[in-house]
Amino acid sequence: MNINIHILSASKDIIAYSEDLKLITEATIALVEKLLPIKDVDIVFYDNPRATIDEIGGIGGFSPNAKLIFISLNPKHLNFKKAIKEELAFTLAHELHHTIRWQKQVEDDTLLEAMIFEGLADHFAIEATGRNKPSLWSYALTPEQKKIFLIKASKEWVKQTYDNNLWFFGSNPDVIPRWTGYTLGYDLVAAYLKANPGTSASKLTFADSSLFIK
């Protein structure tokens, strides 16, 4: 295992939080390793407010591949100190799960795969950290919206030309509400876990996305 923590300090606003960032990251890695092996990952913290989620206090995560995690920070957010304490570990566990699932060879980048990718990560973060609720984006729809957009999504499951920004980030919220893909993915995994009580998100890390719609 080789997990490297990089705290970019060109932004002086981050320096005051460096020790907390390091300690929480090390503790989260230990929690994740109890469930799944991690290897060769660079975790980069940097001042990047535009890529953070304002609703959770100025933190955002992104894992482009199996070797790299970017944690964007907005140290000037009014709730940033609270976010580090209450949100950072969950975000890290979520992103670490992404790096592990990235090791699975996926034939097609489809809407279904993207939804399961996110849904599994949030369920895993709950499993690893012990937090009793998912992220805001995993319960962003009303029950009626869930029915409507699950039907719509099911017609696009296997399309490789799906619009990621539309389904996940609300690029056109009048068409598809923000965070729809996250919520539907979380619910699909939740339904499978409920129907199969002997399993867990960690055990399903490399499961084919099609498993969750059978």
N, C-alpha and C. Protein backbone atom coordinates (compact mmCIF):
# COMPACT_ATOMS: atom_id res chain seq x y z
N MET A 1 0.84 -1.19 0.00
CA MET A 1 0.00 0.00 0.00
C MET A 1 0.87 1.24 0.00
N ASN A 2 0.47 2.21 -0.81
CA ASN A 2 1.22 3.46 -0.85
C ASN A 2 0.21 4.59 -1.07
N ILE A 3 -0.28 5.16 0.04
CA ILE A 3 -1.26 6.23 -0.03
C ILE A 3 -0.54 7.53 0.30
N ASN A 4 -0.52 8.45 -0.64
CA ASN A 4 0.20 9.71 -0.47
C ASN A 4 -0.78 10.85 -0.28
N ILE A 5 -0.58 11.63 0.77
CA ILE A 5 -1.44 12.77 1.07
C ILE A 5 -0.70 14.04 0.68
N HIS A 6 -1.28 14.80 -0.23
CA HIS A 6 -0.66 16.04 -0.70
C HIS A 6 -1.58 17.22 -0.35
N ILE A 7 -1.09 18.12 0.45
CA ILE A 7 -1.85 19.31 0.81
C ILE A 7 -1.16 20.50 0.14
N LEU A 8 -1.76 20.97 -0.94
CA LEU A 8 -1.14 22.06 -1.70
C LEU A 8 -1.29 23.36 -0.92
N SER A 9 -0.17 24.00 -0.68
CA SER A 9 -0.16 25.12 0.27
C SER A 9 0.12 26.48 -0.37
N ALA A 10 0.00 26.57 -1.68
CA ALA A 10 0.17 27.88 -2.31
C ALA A 10 -0.90 28.84 -1.78
N SER A 11 -2.08 28.29 -1.50
CA SER A 11 -3.14 29.06 -0.85
C SER A 11 -2.89 29.04 0.65
N LYS A 12 -2.58 30.16 1.22
CA LYS A 12 -2.25 30.24 2.64
C LYS A 12 -3.45 29.90 3.53
N ASP A 13 -4.66 29.99 2.97
CA ASP A 13 -5.86 29.72 3.77
C ASP A 13 -5.95 28.26 4.19
N ILE A 14 -5.27 27.37 3.47
CA ILE A 14 -5.34 25.94 3.78
C ILE A 14 -4.38 25.55 4.88
N ILE A 15 -3.29 26.27 5.01
CA ILE A 15 -2.22 25.88 5.92
C ILE A 15 -2.73 25.64 7.34
N ALA A 16 -3.63 26.48 7.81
CA ALA A 16 -4.13 26.34 9.19
C ALA A 16 -4.88 25.04 9.41
N TYR A 17 -5.35 24.40 8.34
CA TYR A 17 -6.13 23.18 8.46
C TYR A 17 -5.32 21.92 8.11
N SER A 18 -4.06 22.09 7.81
CA SER A 18 -3.25 20.98 7.31
C SER A 18 -3.22 19.78 8.25
N GLU A 19 -3.03 20.03 9.53
CA GLU A 19 -2.94 18.93 10.48
C GLU A 19 -4.26 18.18 10.58
N ASP A 20 -5.38 18.91 10.62
CA ASP A 20 -6.68 18.26 10.68
C ASP A 20 -6.94 17.43 9.43
N LEU A 21 -6.59 17.98 8.27
CA LEU A 21 -6.78 17.26 7.02
C LEU A 21 -6.00 15.94 7.02
N LYS A 22 -4.78 16.01 7.48
CA LYS A 22 -3.93 14.82 7.50
C LYS A 22 -4.46 13.78 8.48
N LEU A 23 -4.82 14.20 9.69
CA LEU A 23 -5.27 13.25 10.71
C LEU A 23 -6.58 12.58 10.30
N ILE A 24 -7.52 13.36 9.76
CA ILE A 24 -8.80 12.78 9.35
C ILE A 24 -8.61 11.83 8.18
N THR A 25 -7.72 12.19 7.27
CA THR A 25 -7.45 11.32 6.11
C THR A 25 -6.85 10.00 6.57
N GLU A 26 -5.88 10.06 7.45
CA GLU A 26 -5.24 8.83 7.94
C GLU A 26 -6.25 7.95 8.67
N ALA A 27 -7.11 8.57 9.47
CA ALA A 27 -8.12 7.80 10.20
C ALA A 27 -9.13 7.16 9.24
N THR A 28 -9.50 7.89 8.20
CA THR A 28 -10.46 7.36 7.23
C THR A 28 -9.85 6.22 6.43
N ILE A 29 -8.61 6.35 6.04
CA ILE A 29 -7.92 5.28 5.33
C ILE A 29 -7.94 4.00 6.17
N ALA A 30 -7.70 4.15 7.46
CA ALA A 30 -7.70 2.99 8.35
C ALA A 30 -9.08 2.33 8.39
N LEU A 31 -10.14 3.13 8.41
CA LEU A 31 -11.50 2.59 8.41
C LEU A 31 -11.79 1.84 7.11
N VAL A 32 -11.39 2.42 6.01
CA VAL A 32 -11.64 1.80 4.71
C VAL A 32 -10.86 0.49 4.57
N GLU A 33 -9.64 0.49 5.06
CA GLU A 33 -8.80 -0.71 4.93
C GLU A 33 -9.32 -1.90 5.72
N LYS A 34 -10.18 -1.65 6.69
CA LYS A 34 -10.79 -2.75 7.43
C LYS A 34 -11.77 -3.52 6.55
N LEU A 35 -12.23 -2.86 5.49
CA LEU A 35 -13.24 -3.45 4.61
C LEU A 35 -12.70 -3.83 3.24
N LEU A 36 -11.81 -3.00 2.70
CA LEU A 36 -11.29 -3.21 1.36
C LEU A 36 -9.82 -2.79 1.29
N PRO A 37 -9.03 -3.45 0.48
CA PRO A 37 -7.63 -3.04 0.32
C PRO A 37 -7.51 -1.80 -0.56
N ILE A 38 -6.64 -0.91 -0.17
CA ILE A 38 -6.36 0.29 -0.98
C ILE A 38 -4.89 0.21 -1.38
N LYS A 39 -4.58 0.65 -2.58
CA LYS A 39 -3.17 0.66 -2.96
C LYS A 39 -2.88 1.79 -3.93
N ASP A 40 -1.75 2.41 -3.73
CA ASP A 40 -1.19 3.37 -4.70
C ASP A 40 -2.17 4.45 -5.11
N VAL A 41 -2.53 5.30 -4.15
CA VAL A 41 -3.44 6.39 -4.43
C VAL A 41 -2.84 7.71 -3.93
N ASP A 42 -2.90 8.72 -4.76
CA ASP A 42 -2.53 10.08 -4.35
C ASP A 42 -3.80 10.84 -4.00
N ILE A 43 -3.83 11.43 -2.81
CA ILE A 43 -4.95 12.25 -2.38
C ILE A 43 -4.48 13.70 -2.33
N VAL A 44 -5.09 14.53 -3.16
CA VAL A 44 -4.64 15.92 -3.30
C VAL A 44 -5.69 16.87 -2.74
N PHE A 45 -5.31 17.64 -1.73
CA PHE A 45 -6.17 18.68 -1.18
C PHE A 45 -5.73 20.02 -1.76
N TYR A 46 -6.70 20.80 -2.23
CA TYR A 46 -6.31 22.11 -2.74
C TYR A 46 -7.47 23.09 -2.67
N ASP A 47 -7.13 24.34 -2.68
CA ASP A 47 -8.11 25.43 -2.60
C ASP A 47 -8.75 25.59 -3.97
N ASN A 48 -10.02 25.20 -4.06
CA ASN A 48 -10.73 25.21 -5.35
C ASN A 48 -12.22 25.35 -5.09
N PRO A 49 -12.66 26.51 -4.64
CA PRO A 49 -14.06 26.71 -4.24
C PRO A 49 -15.09 26.34 -5.30
N ARG A 50 -14.77 26.54 -6.58
CA ARG A 50 -15.74 26.30 -7.64
C ARG A 50 -16.13 24.83 -7.75
N ALA A 51 -15.29 23.93 -7.25
CA ALA A 51 -15.59 22.50 -7.34
C ALA A 51 -16.09 21.93 -6.02
N THR A 52 -16.44 22.80 -5.09
CA THR A 52 -16.96 22.33 -3.81
C THR A 52 -18.49 22.38 -3.78
N ILE A 53 -19.06 21.73 -2.80
CA ILE A 53 -20.51 21.71 -2.63
C ILE A 53 -20.86 22.64 -1.49
N ASP A 54 -21.49 23.72 -1.83
CA ASP A 54 -21.77 24.76 -0.85
C ASP A 54 -22.64 24.25 0.29
N GLU A 55 -23.59 23.37 -0.03
CA GLU A 55 -24.54 22.88 0.98
C GLU A 55 -23.88 22.07 2.09
N ILE A 56 -22.71 21.52 1.86
CA ILE A 56 -22.05 20.74 2.92
C ILE A 56 -20.84 21.47 3.50
N GLY A 57 -20.70 22.75 3.19
CA GLY A 57 -19.68 23.53 3.86
C GLY A 57 -18.38 23.77 3.13
N GLY A 58 -18.38 23.54 1.82
CA GLY A 58 -17.19 23.89 1.06
C GLY A 58 -16.18 22.79 0.85
N ILE A 59 -16.67 21.57 0.63
CA ILE A 59 -15.80 20.42 0.32
C ILE A 59 -16.36 19.73 -0.91
N GLY A 60 -15.50 19.23 -1.77
CA GLY A 60 -15.92 18.48 -2.94
C GLY A 60 -14.89 17.43 -3.29
N GLY A 61 -15.33 16.29 -3.79
CA GLY A 61 -14.40 15.22 -4.15
C GLY A 61 -14.55 14.79 -5.59
N PHE A 62 -13.43 14.33 -6.18
CA PHE A 62 -13.44 13.85 -7.56
C PHE A 62 -12.32 12.83 -7.74
N SER A 63 -12.66 11.67 -8.27
CA SER A 63 -11.68 10.61 -8.52
C SER A 63 -11.69 10.26 -9.99
N PRO A 64 -10.73 10.74 -10.77
CA PRO A 64 -10.74 10.50 -12.22
C PRO A 64 -10.27 9.11 -12.62
N ASN A 65 -9.59 8.41 -11.70
CA ASN A 65 -9.09 7.07 -12.01
C ASN A 65 -8.76 6.33 -10.72
N ALA A 66 -8.16 5.16 -10.84
CA ALA A 66 -7.88 4.32 -9.68
C ALA A 66 -6.72 4.81 -8.82
N LYS A 67 -6.03 5.83 -9.27
CA LYS A 67 -4.81 6.26 -8.58
C LYS A 67 -4.88 7.65 -7.96
N LEU A 68 -5.98 8.36 -8.18
CA LEU A 68 -5.97 9.77 -7.83
C LEU A 68 -7.31 10.26 -7.29
N ILE A 69 -7.22 11.04 -6.21
CA ILE A 69 -8.39 11.70 -5.64
C ILE A 69 -8.08 13.18 -5.47
N PHE A 70 -8.97 14.03 -5.97
CA PHE A 70 -8.87 15.46 -5.72
C PHE A 70 -9.93 15.84 -4.68
N ILE A 71 -9.51 16.49 -3.62
CA ILE A 71 -10.45 17.03 -2.64
C ILE A 71 -10.36 18.56 -2.72
N SER A 72 -11.40 19.15 -3.28
CA SER A 72 -11.45 20.60 -3.41
C SER A 72 -11.96 21.21 -2.10
N LEU A 73 -11.39 22.35 -1.75
CA LEU A 73 -11.73 22.99 -0.49
C LEU A 73 -12.06 24.47 -0.70
N ASN A 74 -12.94 24.95 0.13
CA ASN A 74 -13.24 26.39 0.18
C ASN A 74 -13.06 26.84 1.63
N PRO A 75 -11.82 27.11 2.04
CA PRO A 75 -11.55 27.44 3.45
C PRO A 75 -12.21 28.73 3.92
N LYS A 76 -12.76 29.51 3.00
CA LYS A 76 -13.44 30.74 3.39
C LYS A 76 -14.94 30.55 3.60
N HIS A 77 -15.42 29.34 3.36
CA HIS A 77 -16.83 29.05 3.59
C HIS A 77 -17.14 29.20 5.08
N LEU A 78 -18.27 29.77 5.41
CA LEU A 78 -18.64 30.02 6.80
C LEU A 78 -18.71 28.75 7.63
N ASN A 79 -19.04 27.63 6.98
CA ASN A 79 -19.17 26.36 7.70
C ASN A 79 -18.03 25.40 7.42
N PHE A 80 -16.90 25.92 6.99
CA PHE A 80 -15.80 25.05 6.58
C PHE A 80 -15.25 24.22 7.74
N LYS A 81 -15.06 24.83 8.89
CA LYS A 81 -14.55 24.09 10.05
C LYS A 81 -15.49 22.94 10.43
N LYS A 82 -16.76 23.19 10.39
CA LYS A 82 -17.76 22.17 10.68
C LYS A 82 -17.72 21.07 9.62
N ALA A 83 -17.54 21.48 8.37
CA ALA A 83 -17.49 20.51 7.27
C ALA A 83 -16.32 19.56 7.41
N ILE A 84 -15.18 20.07 7.81
CA ILE A 84 -14.02 19.20 8.00
C ILE A 84 -14.33 18.14 9.05
N LYS A 85 -14.99 18.55 10.10
CA LYS A 85 -15.30 17.64 11.20
C LYS A 85 -16.39 16.64 10.82
N GLU A 86 -17.43 17.11 10.10
CA GLU A 86 -18.61 16.28 9.88
C GLU A 86 -18.71 15.65 8.49
N GLU A 87 -18.01 16.21 7.49
CA GLU A 87 -18.20 15.75 6.11
C GLU A 87 -16.96 15.15 5.47
N LEU A 88 -15.79 15.54 5.93
CA LEU A 88 -14.57 15.15 5.22
C LEU A 88 -14.37 13.64 5.20
N ALA A 89 -14.53 12.98 6.33
CA ALA A 89 -14.30 11.53 6.37
C ALA A 89 -15.25 10.80 5.43
N PHE A 90 -16.51 11.22 5.41
CA PHE A 90 -17.49 10.59 4.53
C PHE A 90 -17.11 10.80 3.06
N THR A 91 -16.71 12.02 2.73
CA THR A 91 -16.29 12.32 1.36
C THR A 91 -15.09 11.47 0.96
N LEU A 92 -14.14 11.36 1.85
CA LEU A 92 -12.94 10.56 1.56
C LEU A 92 -13.28 9.08 1.37
N ALA A 93 -14.13 8.55 2.23
CA ALA A 93 -14.52 7.13 2.09
C ALA A 93 -15.23 6.90 0.76
N HIS A 94 -16.09 7.83 0.40
CA HIS A 94 -16.79 7.77 -0.89
C HIS A 94 -15.80 7.74 -2.05
N GLU A 95 -14.84 8.67 -2.02
CA GLU A 95 -13.88 8.75 -3.12
C GLU A 95 -12.90 7.58 -3.12
N LEU A 96 -12.52 7.10 -1.97
CA LEU A 96 -11.63 5.93 -1.91
C LEU A 96 -12.32 4.71 -2.51
N HIS A 97 -13.62 4.60 -2.27
CA HIS A 97 -14.36 3.50 -2.91
C HIS A 97 -14.32 3.64 -4.43
N HIS A 98 -14.44 4.86 -4.91
CA HIS A 98 -14.33 5.08 -6.36
C HIS A 98 -13.02 4.54 -6.90
N THR A 99 -11.91 4.85 -6.22
CA THR A 99 -10.61 4.40 -6.74
C THR A 99 -10.53 2.88 -6.77
N ILE A 100 -11.18 2.23 -5.81
CA ILE A 100 -11.16 0.77 -5.77
C ILE A 100 -12.02 0.21 -6.91
N ARG A 101 -13.23 0.75 -7.08
CA ARG A 101 -14.09 0.25 -8.15
C ARG A 101 -13.51 0.58 -9.53
N TRP A 102 -12.73 1.66 -9.62
CA TRP A 102 -12.08 1.98 -10.89
C TRP A 102 -11.19 0.84 -11.37
N GLN A 103 -10.75 -0.02 -10.44
CA GLN A 103 -9.89 -1.15 -10.81
C GLN A 103 -10.66 -2.21 -11.61
N LYS A 104 -12.00 -2.18 -11.48
CA LYS A 104 -12.83 -3.12 -12.24
C LYS A 104 -12.87 -2.70 -13.70
N GLN A 105 -12.69 -3.63 -14.58
CA GLN A 105 -12.77 -3.34 -16.01
C GLN A 105 -14.23 -3.22 -16.43
N VAL A 106 -14.64 -2.03 -16.82
CA VAL A 106 -16.01 -1.79 -17.26
C VAL A 106 -16.02 -1.66 -18.77
N GLU A 107 -16.85 -2.47 -19.42
CA GLU A 107 -16.86 -2.46 -20.88
C GLU A 107 -17.41 -1.15 -21.44
N ASP A 108 -18.50 -0.68 -20.85
CA ASP A 108 -19.15 0.51 -21.38
C ASP A 108 -19.41 1.54 -20.28
N ASP A 109 -19.21 2.80 -20.63
CA ASP A 109 -19.53 3.89 -19.70
C ASP A 109 -20.98 4.28 -19.95
N THR A 110 -21.88 3.68 -19.19
CA THR A 110 -23.31 3.89 -19.40
C THR A 110 -23.91 4.66 -18.22
N LEU A 111 -25.14 5.11 -18.41
CA LEU A 111 -25.85 5.79 -17.33
C LEU A 111 -26.02 4.87 -16.14
N LEU A 112 -26.35 3.61 -16.38
CA LEU A 112 -26.53 2.66 -15.28
C LEU A 112 -25.23 2.50 -14.50
N GLU A 113 -24.12 2.31 -15.19
CA GLU A 113 -22.84 2.14 -14.52
C GLU A 113 -22.51 3.38 -13.68
N ALA A 114 -22.76 4.56 -14.22
CA ALA A 114 -22.47 5.80 -13.48
C ALA A 114 -23.32 5.89 -12.21
N MET A 115 -24.59 5.52 -12.31
CA MET A 115 -25.47 5.57 -11.14
C MET A 115 -25.04 4.58 -10.06
N ILE A 116 -24.70 3.36 -10.47
CA ILE A 116 -24.27 2.35 -9.50
C ILE A 116 -22.91 2.73 -8.91
N PHE A 117 -22.06 3.30 -9.71
CA PHE A 117 -20.74 3.77 -9.26
C PHE A 117 -20.92 4.73 -8.07
N GLU A 118 -21.85 5.66 -8.20
CA GLU A 118 -22.09 6.64 -7.14
C GLU A 118 -22.89 6.05 -5.98
N GLY A 119 -23.91 5.26 -6.31
CA GLY A 119 -24.73 4.67 -5.26
C GLY A 119 -23.94 3.75 -4.34
N LEU A 120 -23.10 2.92 -4.92
CA LEU A 120 -22.27 2.03 -4.11
C LEU A 120 -21.31 2.83 -3.23
N ALA A 121 -20.75 3.90 -3.77
CA ALA A 121 -19.79 4.69 -3.01
C ALA A 121 -20.41 5.31 -1.77
N ASP A 122 -21.65 5.79 -1.88
CA ASP A 122 -22.29 6.38 -0.71
C ASP A 122 -22.68 5.31 0.31
N HIS A 123 -23.17 4.18 -0.16
CA HIS A 123 -23.48 3.10 0.78
C HIS A 123 -22.20 2.60 1.46
N PHE A 124 -21.12 2.54 0.71
CA PHE A 124 -19.86 2.12 1.32
C PHE A 124 -19.39 3.13 2.35
N ALA A 125 -19.52 4.41 2.06
CA ALA A 125 -19.10 5.45 3.01
C ALA A 125 -19.87 5.33 4.32
N ILE A 126 -21.15 5.00 4.22
CA ILE A 126 -21.95 4.76 5.43
C ILE A 126 -21.41 3.56 6.19
N GLU A 127 -21.13 2.49 5.46
CA GLU A 127 -20.60 1.27 6.07
C GLU A 127 -19.26 1.53 6.75
N ALA A 128 -18.39 2.28 6.09
CA ALA A 128 -17.04 2.50 6.62
C ALA A 128 -17.00 3.47 7.79
N THR A 129 -17.78 4.54 7.70
CA THR A 129 -17.70 5.59 8.73
C THR A 129 -18.72 5.41 9.85
N GLY A 130 -19.75 4.62 9.60
CA GLY A 130 -20.77 4.45 10.62
C GLY A 130 -21.79 5.57 10.68
N ARG A 131 -21.71 6.49 9.74
CA ARG A 131 -22.69 7.58 9.73
C ARG A 131 -24.06 7.01 9.38
N ASN A 132 -25.10 7.57 9.97
CA ASN A 132 -26.43 6.96 9.80
C ASN A 132 -27.24 7.55 8.67
N LYS A 133 -26.65 8.38 7.83
CA LYS A 133 -27.39 8.91 6.69
C LYS A 133 -26.44 9.16 5.52
N PRO A 134 -26.97 9.12 4.31
CA PRO A 134 -26.14 9.35 3.13
C PRO A 134 -25.91 10.84 2.88
N SER A 135 -25.29 11.13 1.77
CA SER A 135 -25.07 12.52 1.37
C SER A 135 -26.37 13.15 0.90
N LEU A 136 -26.42 14.47 0.88
CA LEU A 136 -27.60 15.19 0.42
C LEU A 136 -28.03 14.76 -0.97
N TRP A 137 -27.06 14.48 -1.83
CA TRP A 137 -27.38 14.16 -3.22
C TRP A 137 -27.99 12.76 -3.37
N SER A 138 -27.95 11.97 -2.31
CA SER A 138 -28.52 10.63 -2.39
C SER A 138 -29.99 10.60 -1.98
N TYR A 139 -30.52 11.73 -1.53
CA TYR A 139 -31.97 11.80 -1.27
C TYR A 139 -32.50 13.16 -1.72
N ALA A 140 -32.24 13.46 -2.99
CA ALA A 140 -32.55 14.78 -3.54
C ALA A 140 -33.90 14.85 -4.25
N LEU A 141 -34.62 13.74 -4.34
CA LEU A 141 -35.89 13.71 -5.07
C LEU A 141 -37.06 13.35 -4.16
N THR A 142 -38.23 13.79 -4.56
CA THR A 142 -39.44 13.36 -3.89
C THR A 142 -39.79 11.95 -4.36
N PRO A 143 -40.64 11.24 -3.62
CA PRO A 143 -41.06 9.90 -4.08
C PRO A 143 -41.65 9.91 -5.49
N GLU A 144 -42.43 10.93 -5.80
CA GLU A 144 -43.02 11.01 -7.13
C GLU A 144 -41.95 11.24 -8.19
N GLN A 145 -40.99 12.11 -7.90
CA GLN A 145 -39.90 12.35 -8.84
C GLN A 145 -39.09 11.08 -9.07
N LYS A 146 -38.88 10.32 -8.02
CA LYS A 146 -38.13 9.07 -8.16
C LYS A 146 -38.80 8.14 -9.16
N LYS A 147 -40.12 8.01 -9.07
CA LYS A 147 -40.85 7.15 -9.99
C LYS A 147 -40.70 7.64 -11.43
N ILE A 148 -40.88 8.94 -11.62
CA ILE A 148 -40.84 9.52 -12.96
C ILE A 148 -39.46 9.34 -13.59
N PHE A 149 -38.41 9.68 -12.84
CA PHE A 149 -37.08 9.68 -13.45
C PHE A 149 -36.43 8.30 -13.47
N LEU A 150 -36.91 7.39 -12.64
CA LEU A 150 -36.43 6.01 -12.76
C LEU A 150 -36.92 5.40 -14.06
N ILE A 151 -38.16 5.69 -14.42
CA ILE A 151 -38.69 5.21 -15.70
C ILE A 151 -37.90 5.83 -16.85
N LYS A 152 -37.66 7.12 -16.76
CA LYS A 152 -36.91 7.82 -17.81
C LYS A 152 -35.49 7.25 -17.92
N ALA A 153 -34.85 7.03 -16.76
CA ALA A 153 -33.48 6.50 -16.76
C ALA A 153 -33.43 5.09 -17.33
N SER A 154 -34.45 4.28 -17.03
CA SER A 154 -34.44 2.89 -17.49
C SER A 154 -34.45 2.78 -19.01
N LYS A 155 -34.91 3.83 -19.67
CA LYS A 155 -34.92 3.84 -21.13
C LYS A 155 -33.55 4.21 -21.69
N GLU A 156 -32.65 4.64 -20.78
CA GLU A 156 -31.31 5.06 -21.23
C GLU A 156 -30.20 4.28 -20.54
N TRP A 157 -30.54 3.20 -19.80
CA TRP A 157 -29.54 2.47 -19.02
C TRP A 157 -28.23 2.23 -19.78
N VAL A 158 -28.36 1.68 -20.99
CA VAL A 158 -27.17 1.19 -21.69
C VAL A 158 -26.59 2.18 -22.70
N LYS A 159 -27.14 3.38 -22.73
CA LYS A 159 -26.63 4.38 -23.69
C LYS A 159 -25.29 4.94 -23.22
N GLN A 160 -24.30 4.89 -24.11
CA GLN A 160 -23.00 5.47 -23.78
C GLN A 160 -22.97 6.96 -24.07
N THR A 161 -24.03 7.46 -24.66
CA THR A 161 -24.08 8.88 -25.02
C THR A 161 -24.92 9.69 -24.04
N TYR A 162 -25.16 9.13 -22.84
CA TYR A 162 -25.96 9.85 -21.85
C TYR A 162 -25.24 11.14 -21.44
N ASP A 163 -25.99 12.10 -20.97
CA ASP A 163 -25.45 13.40 -20.56
C ASP A 163 -25.19 13.39 -19.06
N ASN A 164 -23.94 13.22 -18.66
CA ASN A 164 -23.58 13.12 -17.25
C ASN A 164 -23.93 14.38 -16.47
N ASN A 165 -23.65 15.53 -17.05
CA ASN A 165 -23.96 16.78 -16.37
C ASN A 165 -25.46 16.96 -16.16
N LEU A 166 -26.25 16.49 -17.11
CA LEU A 166 -27.70 16.59 -16.99
C LEU A 166 -28.22 15.69 -15.88
N TRP A 167 -27.77 14.44 -15.85
CA TRP A 167 -28.30 13.47 -14.90
C TRP A 167 -27.76 13.65 -13.48
N PHE A 168 -26.55 14.16 -13.37
CA PHE A 168 -25.94 14.22 -12.04
C PHE A 168 -25.80 15.63 -11.46
N PHE A 169 -25.60 16.61 -12.30
CA PHE A 169 -25.25 17.93 -11.79
C PHE A 169 -26.27 19.03 -12.07
N GLY A 170 -27.39 18.67 -12.67
CA GLY A 170 -28.44 19.66 -12.87
C GLY A 170 -28.13 20.72 -13.88
N SER A 171 -27.50 20.35 -14.99
CA SER A 171 -27.18 21.34 -16.02
C SER A 171 -28.43 21.93 -16.65
N ASN A 172 -29.54 21.19 -16.59
CA ASN A 172 -30.84 21.69 -17.05
C ASN A 172 -31.90 21.16 -16.08
N PRO A 173 -32.02 21.80 -14.91
CA PRO A 173 -32.90 21.27 -13.86
C PRO A 173 -34.38 21.26 -14.23
N ASP A 174 -34.76 22.00 -15.26
CA ASP A 174 -36.15 21.94 -15.70
C ASP A 174 -36.46 20.63 -16.41
N VAL A 175 -35.40 19.97 -16.88
CA VAL A 175 -35.56 18.67 -17.56
C VAL A 175 -35.32 17.53 -16.58
N ILE A 176 -34.20 17.57 -15.89
CA ILE A 176 -33.86 16.57 -14.87
C ILE A 176 -33.29 17.31 -13.65
N PRO A 177 -33.89 17.14 -12.49
CA PRO A 177 -33.43 17.85 -11.30
C PRO A 177 -31.98 17.52 -10.93
N ARG A 178 -31.34 18.48 -10.31
CA ARG A 178 -29.97 18.30 -9.84
C ARG A 178 -29.87 17.06 -8.95
N TRP A 179 -28.81 16.29 -9.14
CA TRP A 179 -28.47 15.13 -8.32
C TRP A 179 -29.37 13.92 -8.56
N THR A 180 -30.17 13.92 -9.62
CA THR A 180 -31.06 12.79 -9.89
C THR A 180 -30.29 11.48 -10.01
N GLY A 181 -29.19 11.49 -10.75
CA GLY A 181 -28.42 10.26 -10.94
C GLY A 181 -27.90 9.69 -9.64
N TYR A 182 -27.47 10.56 -8.74
CA TYR A 182 -26.99 10.10 -7.43
C TYR A 182 -28.10 9.43 -6.64
N THR A 183 -29.26 10.09 -6.59
CA THR A 183 -30.37 9.56 -5.81
C THR A 183 -30.87 8.22 -6.35
N LEU A 184 -31.03 8.13 -7.67
CA LEU A 184 -31.50 6.87 -8.25
C LEU A 184 -30.48 5.75 -8.04
N GLY A 185 -29.21 6.07 -8.18
CA GLY A 185 -28.18 5.07 -7.95
C GLY A 185 -28.16 4.58 -6.51
N TYR A 186 -28.31 5.50 -5.59
CA TYR A 186 -28.36 5.14 -4.17
C TYR A 186 -29.54 4.22 -3.89
N ASP A 187 -30.69 4.56 -4.47
CA ASP A 187 -31.90 3.75 -4.24
C ASP A 187 -31.79 2.36 -4.86
N LEU A 188 -31.18 2.26 -6.03
CA LEU A 188 -31.01 0.95 -6.66
C LEU A 188 -30.15 0.03 -5.80
N VAL A 189 -29.08 0.59 -5.26
CA VAL A 189 -28.22 -0.21 -4.38
C VAL A 189 -28.94 -0.53 -3.08
N ALA A 190 -29.68 0.44 -2.55
CA ALA A 190 -30.42 0.22 -1.30
C ALA A 190 -31.43 -0.91 -1.47
N ALA A 191 -32.12 -0.95 -2.60
CA ALA A 191 -33.11 -1.99 -2.86
C ALA A 191 -32.46 -3.37 -2.91
N TYR A 192 -31.28 -3.44 -3.52
CA TYR A 192 -30.58 -4.72 -3.60
C TYR A 192 -30.12 -5.17 -2.21
N LEU A 193 -29.59 -4.24 -1.43
CA LEU A 193 -29.13 -4.58 -0.08
C LEU A 193 -30.29 -5.05 0.79
N LYS A 194 -31.44 -4.43 0.63
CA LYS A 194 -32.62 -4.82 1.41
C LYS A 194 -33.09 -6.22 1.03
N ALA A 195 -33.00 -6.53 -0.26
CA ALA A 195 -33.44 -7.84 -0.73
C ALA A 195 -32.41 -8.94 -0.46
N ASN A 196 -31.19 -8.54 -0.15
CA ASN A 196 -30.11 -9.50 0.08
C ASN A 196 -29.38 -9.11 1.36
N PRO A 197 -29.99 -9.35 2.52
CA PRO A 197 -29.44 -8.88 3.80
C PRO A 197 -28.08 -9.45 4.17
N GLY A 198 -27.64 -10.48 3.51
CA GLY A 198 -26.34 -11.05 3.83
C GLY A 198 -25.18 -10.36 3.17
N THR A 199 -25.46 -9.37 2.33
CA THR A 199 -24.38 -8.71 1.61
C THR A 199 -24.16 -7.29 2.13
N SER A 200 -23.27 -6.55 1.50
CA SER A 200 -22.94 -5.19 1.92
C SER A 200 -22.34 -4.45 0.73
N ALA A 201 -22.24 -3.15 0.86
CA ALA A 201 -21.64 -2.36 -0.22
C ALA A 201 -20.20 -2.77 -0.48
N SER A 202 -19.46 -3.05 0.57
CA SER A 202 -18.06 -3.45 0.38
C SER A 202 -17.96 -4.77 -0.38
N LYS A 203 -18.88 -5.69 -0.12
CA LYS A 203 -18.86 -6.98 -0.82
C LYS A 203 -19.29 -6.84 -2.28
N LEU A 204 -20.01 -5.76 -2.57
CA LEU A 204 -20.53 -5.54 -3.93
C LEU A 204 -19.65 -4.61 -4.76
N THR A 205 -18.50 -4.28 -4.25
CA THR A 205 -17.64 -3.27 -4.89
C THR A 205 -17.40 -3.53 -6.37
N PHE A 206 -17.18 -4.77 -6.75
CA PHE A 206 -16.87 -5.08 -8.13
C PHE A 206 -18.05 -5.73 -8.87
N ALA A 207 -19.23 -5.63 -8.31
CA ALA A 207 -20.41 -6.23 -8.95
C ALA A 207 -20.76 -5.51 -10.24
N ASP A 208 -21.24 -6.26 -11.22
CA ASP A 208 -21.69 -5.65 -12.46
C ASP A 208 -22.91 -4.77 -12.19
N SER A 209 -22.99 -3.66 -12.84
CA SER A 209 -24.09 -2.73 -12.62
C SER A 209 -25.44 -3.37 -12.95
N SER A 210 -25.45 -4.32 -13.88
CA SER A 210 -26.70 -4.96 -14.28
C SER A 210 -27.34 -5.75 -13.13
N LEU A 211 -26.53 -6.13 -12.14
CA LEU A 211 -27.04 -6.88 -11.00
C LEU A 211 -28.15 -6.13 -10.28
N PHE A 212 -28.08 -4.80 -10.30
CA PHE A 212 -28.97 -3.98 -9.49
C PHE A 212 -30.30 -3.66 -10.17
N ILE A 213 -30.49 -4.15 -11.39
CA ILE A 213 -31.77 -3.92 -12.06
C ILE A 213 -32.43 -5.24 -12.45
N LYS A 214 -31.92 -6.35 -11.95
CA LYS A 214 -32.51 -7.65 -12.27
C LYS A 214 -33.71 -7.90 -11.38
